[in-house]
């Protein structure tokens, strides 16, 4: 795991008073379009993932962050080397 990206994400979550969870997926995993009833804060820690928003695609690599407001429709595709992310819900 990228220690720099993980440390930066952990510091940001702590500063914002959020408690993150870490998850991983293998290469080329796909998440169908969905939305959450909470604001989602996500950092890519290792590998890559592309978030598909209705307006645009957002490719992410280590240390990149996305903030998705509650109710934002999004899908995602994991890159060819897999991905590890840290995320938290802002309620």
PDB file of N, CA and C in Angstrom:
ATOM      1  N   UNK A   1       0.853  -1.181   0.000  1.00  0.00           N
ATOM      2  CA  UNK A   1       0.000   0.000   0.000  1.00  0.00           C
ATOM      3  C   UNK A   1       0.892   1.235   0.000  1.00  0.00           C
ATOM      4  N   UNK A   2       0.515   2.238  -0.760  1.00  0.00           N
ATOM      5  CA  UNK A   2       1.274   3.480  -0.822  1.00  0.00           C
ATOM      6  C   UNK A   2       1.211   4.197   0.520  1.00  0.00           C
ATOM      7  N   UNK A   3       2.339   4.215   1.213  1.00  0.00           N
ATOM      8  CA  UNK A   3       2.336   4.816   2.547  1.00  0.00           C
ATOM      9  C   UNK A   3       2.088   6.312   2.494  1.00  0.00           C
ATOM     10  N   UNK A   4       2.583   6.985   1.459  1.00  0.00           N
ATOM     11  CA  UNK A   4       2.361   8.427   1.340  1.00  0.00           C
ATOM     12  C   UNK A   4       0.878   8.736   1.130  1.00  0.00           C
ATOM     13  N   UNK A   5       0.258   8.045   0.192  1.00  0.00           N
ATOM     14  CA  UNK A   5      -1.165   8.290  -0.090  1.00  0.00           C
ATOM     15  C   UNK A   5      -2.033   7.936   1.113  1.00  0.00           C
ATOM     16  N   UNK A   6      -1.724   6.818   1.779  1.00  0.00           N
ATOM     17  CA  UNK A   6      -2.505   6.408   2.956  1.00  0.00           C
ATOM     18  C   UNK A   6      -2.341   7.405   4.096  1.00  0.00           C
ATOM     19  N   UNK A   7      -1.114   7.887   4.309  1.00  0.00           N
ATOM     20  CA  UNK A   7      -0.868   8.855   5.384  1.00  0.00           C
ATOM     21  C   UNK A   7      -1.594  10.169   5.104  1.00  0.00           C
ATOM     22  N   UNK A   8      -1.550  10.623   3.853  1.00  0.00           N
ATOM     23  CA  UNK A   8      -2.227  11.877   3.493  1.00  0.00           C
ATOM     24  C   UNK A   8      -3.738  11.737   3.656  1.00  0.00           C
ATOM     25  N   UNK A   9      -4.291  10.620   3.228  1.00  0.00           N
ATOM     26  CA  UNK A   9      -5.732  10.399   3.364  1.00  0.00           C
ATOM     27  C   UNK A   9      -6.121  10.313   4.833  1.00  0.00           C
ATOM     28  N   UNK A  10      -5.366   9.562   5.614  1.00  0.00           N
ATOM     29  CA  UNK A  10      -5.662   9.432   7.048  1.00  0.00           C
ATOM     30  C   UNK A  10      -5.637  10.790   7.739  1.00  0.00           C
ATOM     31  N   UNK A  11      -4.663  11.623   7.402  1.00  0.00           N
ATOM     32  CA  UNK A  11      -4.569  12.961   7.996  1.00  0.00           C
ATOM     33  C   UNK A  11      -5.776  13.811   7.617  1.00  0.00           C
ATOM     34  N   UNK A  12      -6.193  13.737   6.358  1.00  0.00           N
ATOM     35  CA  UNK A  12      -7.361  14.510   5.920  1.00  0.00           C
ATOM     36  C   UNK A  12      -8.625  14.050   6.631  1.00  0.00           C
ATOM     37  N   UNK A  13      -8.819  12.739   6.728  1.00  0.00           N
ATOM     38  CA  UNK A  13     -10.006  12.229   7.425  1.00  0.00           C
ATOM     39  C   UNK A  13     -10.003  12.670   8.889  1.00  0.00           C
ATOM     40  N   UNK A  14      -8.849  12.579   9.529  1.00  0.00           N
ATOM     41  CA  UNK A  14      -8.764  12.972  10.937  1.00  0.00           C
ATOM     42  C   UNK A  14      -9.073  14.459  11.105  1.00  0.00           C
ATOM     43  N   UNK A  15      -8.510  15.287  10.242  1.00  0.00           N
ATOM     44  CA  UNK A  15      -8.755  16.733  10.299  1.00  0.00           C
ATOM     45  C   UNK A  15     -10.238  17.050  10.142  1.00  0.00           C
ATOM     46  N   UNK A  16     -10.918  16.270   9.298  1.00  0.00           N
ATOM     47  CA  UNK A  16     -12.327  16.509   9.026  1.00  0.00           C
ATOM     48  C   UNK A  16     -13.247  15.751   9.979  1.00  0.00           C
ATOM     49  N   UNK A  17     -12.674  15.030  10.939  1.00  0.00           N
ATOM     50  CA  UNK A  17     -13.475  14.308  11.917  1.00  0.00           C
ATOM     51  C   UNK A  17     -14.222  13.123  11.341  1.00  0.00           C
ATOM     52  N   UNK A  18     -13.661  12.519  10.294  1.00  0.00           N
ATOM     53  CA  UNK A  18     -14.307  11.378   9.638  1.00  0.00           C
ATOM     54  C   UNK A  18     -13.568  10.092   9.967  1.00  0.00           C
ATOM     55  N   UNK A  19     -14.303   8.989  10.017  1.00  0.00           N
ATOM     56  CA  UNK A  19     -13.722   7.674  10.302  1.00  0.00           C
ATOM     57  C   UNK A  19     -13.801   6.847   9.015  1.00  0.00           C
ATOM     58  N   UNK A  20     -12.657   6.639   8.362  1.00  0.00           N
ATOM     59  CA  UNK A  20     -12.675   5.945   7.074  1.00  0.00           C
ATOM     60  C   UNK A  20     -12.666   4.424   7.194  1.00  0.00           C
ATOM     61  N   UNK A  21     -13.071   3.805   6.107  1.00  0.00           N
ATOM     62  CA  UNK A  21     -12.930   2.363   5.924  1.00  0.00           C
ATOM     63  C   UNK A  21     -12.062   2.166   4.686  1.00  0.00           C
ATOM     64  N   UNK A  22     -11.294   1.100   4.678  1.00  0.00           N
ATOM     65  CA  UNK A  22     -10.453   0.779   3.533  1.00  0.00           C
ATOM     66  C   UNK A  22     -11.050  -0.420   2.808  1.00  0.00           C
ATOM     67  N   UNK A  23     -11.050  -0.365   1.480  1.00  0.00           N
ATOM     68  CA  UNK A  23     -11.529  -1.488   0.689  1.00  0.00           C
ATOM     69  C   UNK A  23     -10.671  -1.625  -0.567  1.00  0.00           C
ATOM     70  N   UNK A  24     -10.702  -2.797  -1.148  1.00  0.00           N
ATOM     71  CA  UNK A  24      -9.928  -3.087  -2.358  1.00  0.00           C
ATOM     72  C   UNK A  24     -10.773  -3.892  -3.332  1.00  0.00           C
ATOM     73  N   UNK A  25     -10.435  -3.768  -4.591  1.00  0.00           N
ATOM     74  CA  UNK A  25     -11.043  -4.581  -5.644  1.00  0.00           C
ATOM     75  C   UNK A  25      -9.955  -5.022  -6.601  1.00  0.00           C
ATOM     76  N   UNK A  26     -10.177  -6.175  -7.209  1.00  0.00           N
ATOM     77  CA  UNK A  26      -9.263  -6.672  -8.222  1.00  0.00           C
ATOM     78  C   UNK A  26      -9.427  -5.914  -9.527  1.00  0.00           C
ATOM     79  N   UNK A  27      -8.586  -6.226 -10.494  1.00  0.00           N
ATOM     80  CA  UNK A  27      -8.592  -5.547 -11.784  1.00  0.00           C
ATOM     81  C   UNK A  27      -9.950  -5.582 -12.484  1.00  0.00           C
ATOM     82  N   UNK A  28     -10.282  -4.440 -13.078  1.00  0.00           N
ATOM     83  CA  UNK A  28     -11.422  -4.308 -13.985  1.00  0.00           C
ATOM     84  C   UNK A  28     -12.793  -4.537 -13.344  1.00  0.00           C
ATOM     85  N   UNK A  29     -12.884  -4.483 -12.021  1.00  0.00           N
ATOM     86  CA  UNK A  29     -14.199  -4.592 -11.370  1.00  0.00           C
ATOM     87  C   UNK A  29     -15.063  -3.397 -11.795  1.00  0.00           C
ATOM     88  N   UNK A  30     -16.361  -3.621 -11.873  1.00  0.00           N
ATOM     89  CA  UNK A  30     -17.295  -2.583 -12.322  1.00  0.00           C
ATOM     90  C   UNK A  30     -18.394  -2.405 -11.286  1.00  0.00           C
ATOM     91  N   UNK A  31     -18.685  -1.163 -10.950  1.00  0.00           N
ATOM     92  CA  UNK A  31     -19.812  -0.816 -10.089  1.00  0.00           C
ATOM     93  C   UNK A  31     -20.864  -0.137 -10.954  1.00  0.00           C
ATOM     94  N   UNK A  32     -22.057  -0.662 -10.970  1.00  0.00           N
ATOM     95  CA  UNK A  32     -23.152  -0.056 -11.734  1.00  0.00           C
ATOM     96  C   UNK A  32     -23.542   1.292 -11.110  1.00  0.00           C
ATOM     97  N   UNK A  33     -24.224   2.094 -11.877  1.00  0.00           N
ATOM     98  CA  UNK A  33     -24.638   3.405 -11.371  1.00  0.00           C
ATOM     99  C   UNK A  33     -25.512   3.252 -10.124  1.00  0.00           C
ATOM    100  N   UNK A  34     -25.204   4.074  -9.137  1.00  0.00           N
ATOM    101  CA  UNK A  34     -25.951   4.084  -7.883  1.00  0.00           C
ATOM    102  C   UNK A  34     -25.715   5.439  -7.212  1.00  0.00           C
ATOM    103  N   UNK A  35     -26.363   5.678  -6.102  1.00  0.00           N
ATOM    104  CA  UNK A  35     -26.184   6.908  -5.328  1.00  0.00           C
ATOM    105  C   UNK A  35     -26.253   6.542  -3.850  1.00  0.00           C
ATOM    106  N   UNK A  36     -25.748   7.431  -3.007  1.00  0.00           N
ATOM    107  CA  UNK A  36     -25.757   7.207  -1.560  1.00  0.00           C
ATOM    108  C   UNK A  36     -26.580   8.301  -0.883  1.00  0.00           C
ATOM    109  N   UNK A  37     -27.202   8.005   0.260  1.00  0.00           N
ATOM    110  CA  UNK A  37     -27.991   9.012   0.982  1.00  0.00           C
ATOM    111  C   UNK A  37     -27.117   9.902   1.877  1.00  0.00           C
ATOM    112  N   UNK A  38     -25.801   9.845   1.690  1.00  0.00           N
ATOM    113  CA  UNK A  38     -24.855  10.620   2.490  1.00  0.00           C
ATOM    114  C   UNK A  38     -23.761  11.161   1.569  1.00  0.00           C
ATOM    115  N   UNK A  39     -23.072  12.206   2.027  1.00  0.00           N
ATOM    116  CA  UNK A  39     -21.912  12.713   1.309  1.00  0.00           C
ATOM    117  C   UNK A  39     -20.780  11.696   1.462  1.00  0.00           C
ATOM    118  N   UNK A  40     -20.128  11.375   0.356  1.00  0.00           N
ATOM    119  CA  UNK A  40     -19.059  10.373   0.360  1.00  0.00           C
ATOM    120  C   UNK A  40     -17.728  11.059   0.068  1.00  0.00           C
ATOM    121  N   UNK A  41     -16.729  10.800   0.908  1.00  0.00           N
ATOM    122  CA  UNK A  41     -15.371  11.298   0.710  1.00  0.00           C
ATOM    123  C   UNK A  41     -14.496  10.073   0.456  1.00  0.00           C
ATOM    124  N   UNK A  42     -13.802  10.050  -0.674  1.00  0.00           N
ATOM    125  CA  UNK A  42     -13.021   8.875  -1.049  1.00  0.00           C
ATOM    126  C   UNK A  42     -11.644   9.281  -1.552  1.00  0.00           C
ATOM    127  N   UNK A  43     -10.636   8.578  -1.089  1.00  0.00           N
ATOM    128  CA  UNK A  43      -9.269   8.720  -1.591  1.00  0.00           C
ATOM    129  C   UNK A  43      -8.858   7.415  -2.248  1.00  0.00           C
ATOM    130  N   UNK A  44      -8.228   7.504  -3.407  1.00  0.00           N
ATOM    131  CA  UNK A  44      -7.567   6.346  -4.010  1.00  0.00           C
ATOM    132  C   UNK A  44      -6.204   6.230  -3.321  1.00  0.00           C
ATOM    133  N   UNK A  45      -5.884   5.058  -2.817  1.00  0.00           N
ATOM    134  CA  UNK A  45      -4.632   4.830  -2.101  1.00  0.00           C
ATOM    135  C   UNK A  45      -3.601   4.134  -2.993  1.00  0.00           C
ATOM    136  N   UNK A  46      -4.065   3.169  -3.750  1.00  0.00           N
ATOM    137  CA  UNK A  46      -3.163   2.396  -4.606  1.00  0.00           C
ATOM    138  C   UNK A  46      -3.942   1.917  -5.819  1.00  0.00           C
ATOM    139  N   UNK A  47      -3.274   1.819  -6.972  1.00  0.00           N
ATOM    140  CA  UNK A  47      -3.946   1.388  -8.190  1.00  0.00           C
ATOM    141  C   UNK A  47      -4.710   2.543  -8.817  1.00  0.00           C
ATOM    142  N   UNK A  48      -5.822   2.218  -9.460  1.00  0.00           N
ATOM    143  CA  UNK A  48      -6.607   3.264 -10.123  1.00  0.00           C
ATOM    144  C   UNK A  48      -8.075   2.858 -10.204  1.00  0.00           C
ATOM    145  N   UNK A  49      -8.912   3.888 -10.312  1.00  0.00           N
ATOM    146  CA  UNK A  49     -10.348   3.717 -10.470  1.00  0.00           C
ATOM    147  C   UNK A  49     -10.875   4.934 -11.214  1.00  0.00           C
ATOM    148  N   UNK A  50     -11.856   4.726 -12.058  1.00  0.00           N
ATOM    149  CA  UNK A  50     -12.491   5.840 -12.756  1.00  0.00           C
ATOM    150  C   UNK A  50     -13.935   5.923 -12.301  1.00  0.00           C
ATOM    151  N   UNK A  51     -14.312   7.091 -11.791  1.00  0.00           N
ATOM    152  CA  UNK A  51     -15.704   7.340 -11.431  1.00  0.00           C
ATOM    153  C   UNK A  51     -16.399   7.925 -12.642  1.00  0.00           C
ATOM    154  N   UNK A  52     -17.563   7.364 -12.954  1.00  0.00           N
ATOM    155  CA  UNK A  52     -18.358   7.812 -14.096  1.00  0.00           C
ATOM    156  C   UNK A  52     -19.533   8.625 -13.544  1.00  0.00           C
ATOM    157  N   UNK A  53     -19.418   9.932 -13.697  1.00  0.00           N
ATOM    158  CA  UNK A  53     -20.490  10.833 -13.288  1.00  0.00           C
ATOM    159  C   UNK A  53     -21.292  11.174 -14.534  1.00  0.00           C
ATOM    160  N   UNK A  54     -22.492  11.623 -14.377  1.00  0.00           N
ATOM    161  CA  UNK A  54     -23.311  11.906 -15.560  1.00  0.00           C
ATOM    162  C   UNK A  54     -22.694  12.997 -16.424  1.00  0.00           C
ATOM    163  N   UNK A  55     -21.973  13.931 -15.817  1.00  0.00           N
ATOM    164  CA  UNK A  55     -21.371  15.024 -16.576  1.00  0.00           C
ATOM    165  C   UNK A  55     -20.003  14.673 -17.152  1.00  0.00           C
ATOM    166  N   UNK A  56     -19.288  13.718 -16.543  1.00  0.00           N
ATOM    167  CA  UNK A  56     -17.907  13.480 -16.944  1.00  0.00           C
ATOM    168  C   UNK A  56     -17.372  12.216 -16.272  1.00  0.00           C
ATOM    169  N   UNK A  57     -16.232  11.746 -16.754  1.00  0.00           N
ATOM    170  CA  UNK A  57     -15.502  10.662 -16.095  1.00  0.00           C
ATOM    171  C   UNK A  57     -14.358  11.273 -15.301  1.00  0.00           C
ATOM    172  N   UNK A  58     -14.082  10.713 -14.127  1.00  0.00           N
ATOM    173  CA  UNK A  58     -13.006  11.202 -13.274  1.00  0.00           C
ATOM    174  C   UNK A  58     -12.046  10.062 -12.969  1.00  0.00           C
ATOM    175  N   UNK A  59     -10.925   9.964 -13.725  1.00  0.00           N
ATOM    176  CA  UNK A  59      -9.925   8.942 -13.416  1.00  0.00           C
ATOM    177  C   UNK A  59      -9.157   9.334 -12.156  1.00  0.00           C
ATOM    178  N   UNK A  60      -8.891   8.344 -11.290  1.00  0.00           N
ATOM    179  CA  UNK A  60      -8.202   8.595 -10.036  1.00  0.00           C
ATOM    180  C   UNK A  60      -7.037   7.636  -9.862  1.00  0.00           C
ATOM    181  N   UNK A  61      -5.940   8.155  -9.309  1.00  0.00           N
ATOM    182  CA  UNK A  61      -4.780   7.362  -8.950  1.00  0.00           C
ATOM    183  C   UNK A  61      -4.409   7.658  -7.509  1.00  0.00           C
ATOM    184  N   UNK A  62      -3.289   7.114  -7.029  1.00  0.00           N
ATOM    185  CA  UNK A  62      -2.901   7.295  -5.637  1.00  0.00           C
ATOM    186  C   UNK A  62      -2.895   8.758  -5.185  1.00  0.00           C
ATOM    187  N   UNK A  63      -3.527   8.993  -4.030  1.00  0.00           N
ATOM    188  CA  UNK A  63      -3.649  10.296  -3.355  1.00  0.00           C
ATOM    189  C   UNK A  63      -4.739  11.192  -3.951  1.00  0.00           C
ATOM    190  N   UNK A  64      -5.426  10.762  -5.016  1.00  0.00           N
ATOM    191  CA  UNK A  64      -6.531  11.563  -5.561  1.00  0.00           C
ATOM    192  C   UNK A  64      -7.763  11.431  -4.668  1.00  0.00           C
ATOM    193  N   UNK A  65      -8.536  12.495  -4.615  1.00  0.00           N
ATOM    194  CA  UNK A  65      -9.727  12.554  -3.751  1.00  0.00           C
ATOM    195  C   UNK A  65     -10.950  12.934  -4.578  1.00  0.00           C
ATOM    196  N   UNK A  66     -12.087  12.346  -4.199  1.00  0.00           N
ATOM    197  CA  UNK A  66     -13.373  12.749  -4.759  1.00  0.00           C
ATOM    198  C   UNK A  66     -14.340  12.946  -3.592  1.00  0.00           C
ATOM    199  N   UNK A  67     -15.139  13.993  -3.697  1.00  0.00           N
ATOM    200  CA  UNK A  67     -16.207  14.276  -2.739  1.00  0.00           C
ATOM    201  C   UNK A  67     -17.516  14.193  -3.513  1.00  0.00           C
ATOM    202  N   UNK A  68     -18.351  13.236  -3.165  1.00  0.00           N
ATOM    203  CA  UNK A  68     -19.636  13.060  -3.849  1.00  0.00           C
ATOM    204  C   UNK A  68     -20.765  13.476  -2.912  1.00  0.00           C
ATOM    205  N   UNK A  69     -21.495  14.528  -3.279  1.00  0.00           N
ATOM    206  CA  UNK A  69     -22.638  14.922  -2.460  1.00  0.00           C
ATOM    207  C   UNK A  69     -23.705  13.824  -2.427  1.00  0.00           C
ATOM    208  N   UNK A  70     -24.445  13.764  -1.353  1.00  0.00           N
ATOM    209  CA  UNK A  70     -25.541  12.792  -1.224  1.00  0.00           C
ATOM    210  C   UNK A  70     -26.432  12.856  -2.461  1.00  0.00           C
ATOM    211  N   UNK A  71     -26.838  11.690  -2.932  1.00  0.00           N
ATOM    212  CA  UNK A  71     -27.759  11.613  -4.065  1.00  0.00           C
ATOM    213  C   UNK A  71     -27.108  11.722  -5.434  1.00  0.00           C
ATOM    214  N   UNK A  72     -25.774  11.855  -5.504  1.00  0.00           N
ATOM    215  CA  UNK A  72     -25.094  11.982  -6.800  1.00  0.00           C
ATOM    216  C   UNK A  72     -24.995  10.623  -7.486  1.00  0.00           C
ATOM    217  N   UNK A  73     -25.634  10.458  -8.640  1.00  0.00           N
ATOM    218  CA  UNK A  73     -25.506   9.192  -9.356  1.00  0.00           C
ATOM    219  C   UNK A  73     -24.067   9.012  -9.857  1.00  0.00           C
ATOM    220  N   UNK A  74     -23.516   7.831  -9.657  1.00  0.00           N
ATOM    221  CA  UNK A  74     -22.169   7.544 -10.123  1.00  0.00           C
ATOM    222  C   UNK A  74     -21.998   6.038 -10.320  1.00  0.00           C
ATOM    223  N   UNK A  75     -21.095   5.707 -11.226  1.00  0.00           N
ATOM    224  CA  UNK A  75     -20.659   4.332 -11.455  1.00  0.00           C
ATOM    225  C   UNK A  75     -19.143   4.367 -11.364  1.00  0.00           C
ATOM    226  N   UNK A  76     -18.501   3.213 -11.388  1.00  0.00           N
ATOM    227  CA  UNK A  76     -17.040   3.195 -11.315  1.00  0.00           C
ATOM    228  C   UNK A  76     -16.492   1.954 -11.997  1.00  0.00           C
ATOM    229  N   UNK A  77     -15.283   2.117 -12.542  1.00  0.00           N
ATOM    230  CA  UNK A  77     -14.553   1.018 -13.147  1.00  0.00           C
ATOM    231  C   UNK A  77     -13.148   1.001 -12.561  1.00  0.00           C
ATOM    232  N   UNK A  78     -12.747  -0.135 -12.009  1.00  0.00           N
ATOM    233  CA  UNK A  78     -11.413  -0.304 -11.435  1.00  0.00           C
ATOM    234  C   UNK A  78     -10.413  -0.501 -12.568  1.00  0.00           C
ATOM    235  N   UNK A  79      -9.210   0.032 -12.382  1.00  0.00           N
ATOM    236  CA  UNK A  79      -8.166  -0.080 -13.392  1.00  0.00           C
ATOM    237  C   UNK A  79      -7.586  -1.477 -13.495  1.00  0.00           C
ATOM    238  N   UNK A  80      -6.679  -1.669 -14.461  1.00  0.00           N
ATOM    239  CA  UNK A  80      -6.139  -2.999 -14.756  1.00  0.00           C
ATOM    240  C   UNK A  80      -5.261  -3.597 -13.657  1.00  0.00           C
ATOM    241  N   UNK A  81      -4.802  -2.770 -12.693  1.00  0.00           N
ATOM    242  CA  UNK A  81      -3.979  -3.301 -11.611  1.00  0.00           C
ATOM    243  C   UNK A  81      -4.739  -3.413 -10.297  1.00  0.00           C
ATOM    244  N   UNK A  82      -6.048  -3.174 -10.331  1.00  0.00           N
ATOM    245  CA  UNK A  82      -6.845  -3.195  -9.116  1.00  0.00           C
ATOM    246  C   UNK A  82      -6.793  -1.853  -8.411  1.00  0.00           C
ATOM    247  N   UNK A  83      -7.428  -1.768  -7.241  1.00  0.00           N
ATOM    248  CA  UNK A  83      -7.470  -0.504  -6.511  1.00  0.00           C
ATOM    249  C   UNK A  83      -7.638  -0.766  -5.017  1.00  0.00           C
ATOM    250  N   UNK A  84      -7.088   0.123  -4.222  1.00  0.00           N
ATOM    251  CA  UNK A  84      -7.362   0.198  -2.792  1.00  0.00           C
ATOM    252  C   UNK A  84      -7.781   1.633  -2.508  1.00  0.00           C
ATOM    253  N   UNK A  85      -8.888   1.791  -1.803  1.00  0.00           N
ATOM    254  CA  UNK A  85      -9.426   3.118  -1.482  1.00  0.00           C
ATOM    255  C   UNK A  85      -9.726   3.215   0.009  1.00  0.00           C
ATOM    256  N   UNK A  86      -9.745   4.453   0.486  1.00  0.00           N
ATOM    257  CA  UNK A  86     -10.247   4.764   1.825  1.00  0.00           C
ATOM    258  C   UNK A  86     -11.417   5.713   1.617  1.00  0.00           C
ATOM    259  N   UNK A  87     -12.525   5.436   2.321  1.00  0.00           N
ATOM    260  CA  UNK A  87     -13.676   6.321   2.192  1.00  0.00           C
ATOM    261  C   UNK A  87     -14.391   6.474   3.509  1.00  0.00           C
ATOM    262  N   UNK A  88     -15.150   7.557   3.600  1.00  0.00           N
ATOM    263  CA  UNK A  88     -15.952   7.827   4.792  1.00  0.00           C
ATOM    264  C   UNK A  88     -17.220   8.538   4.364  1.00  0.00           C
ATOM    265  N   UNK A  89     -18.240   8.376   5.193  1.00  0.00           N
ATOM    266  CA  UNK A  89     -19.504   9.067   4.981  1.00  0.00           C
ATOM    267  C   UNK A  89     -19.528  10.317   5.852  1.00  0.00           C
ATOM    268  N   UNK A  90     -19.938  11.406   5.245  1.00  0.00           N
ATOM    269  CA  UNK A  90     -20.127  12.646   5.993  1.00  0.00           C
ATOM    270  C   UNK A  90     -21.636  12.799   6.181  1.00  0.00           C
ATOM    271  N   UNK A  91     -22.096  12.676   7.440  1.00  0.00           N
ATOM    272  CA  UNK A  91     -23.539  12.723   7.692  1.00  0.00           C
ATOM    273  C   UNK A  91     -23.951  14.059   8.257  1.00  0.00           C
TER     274      UNK A  91
END
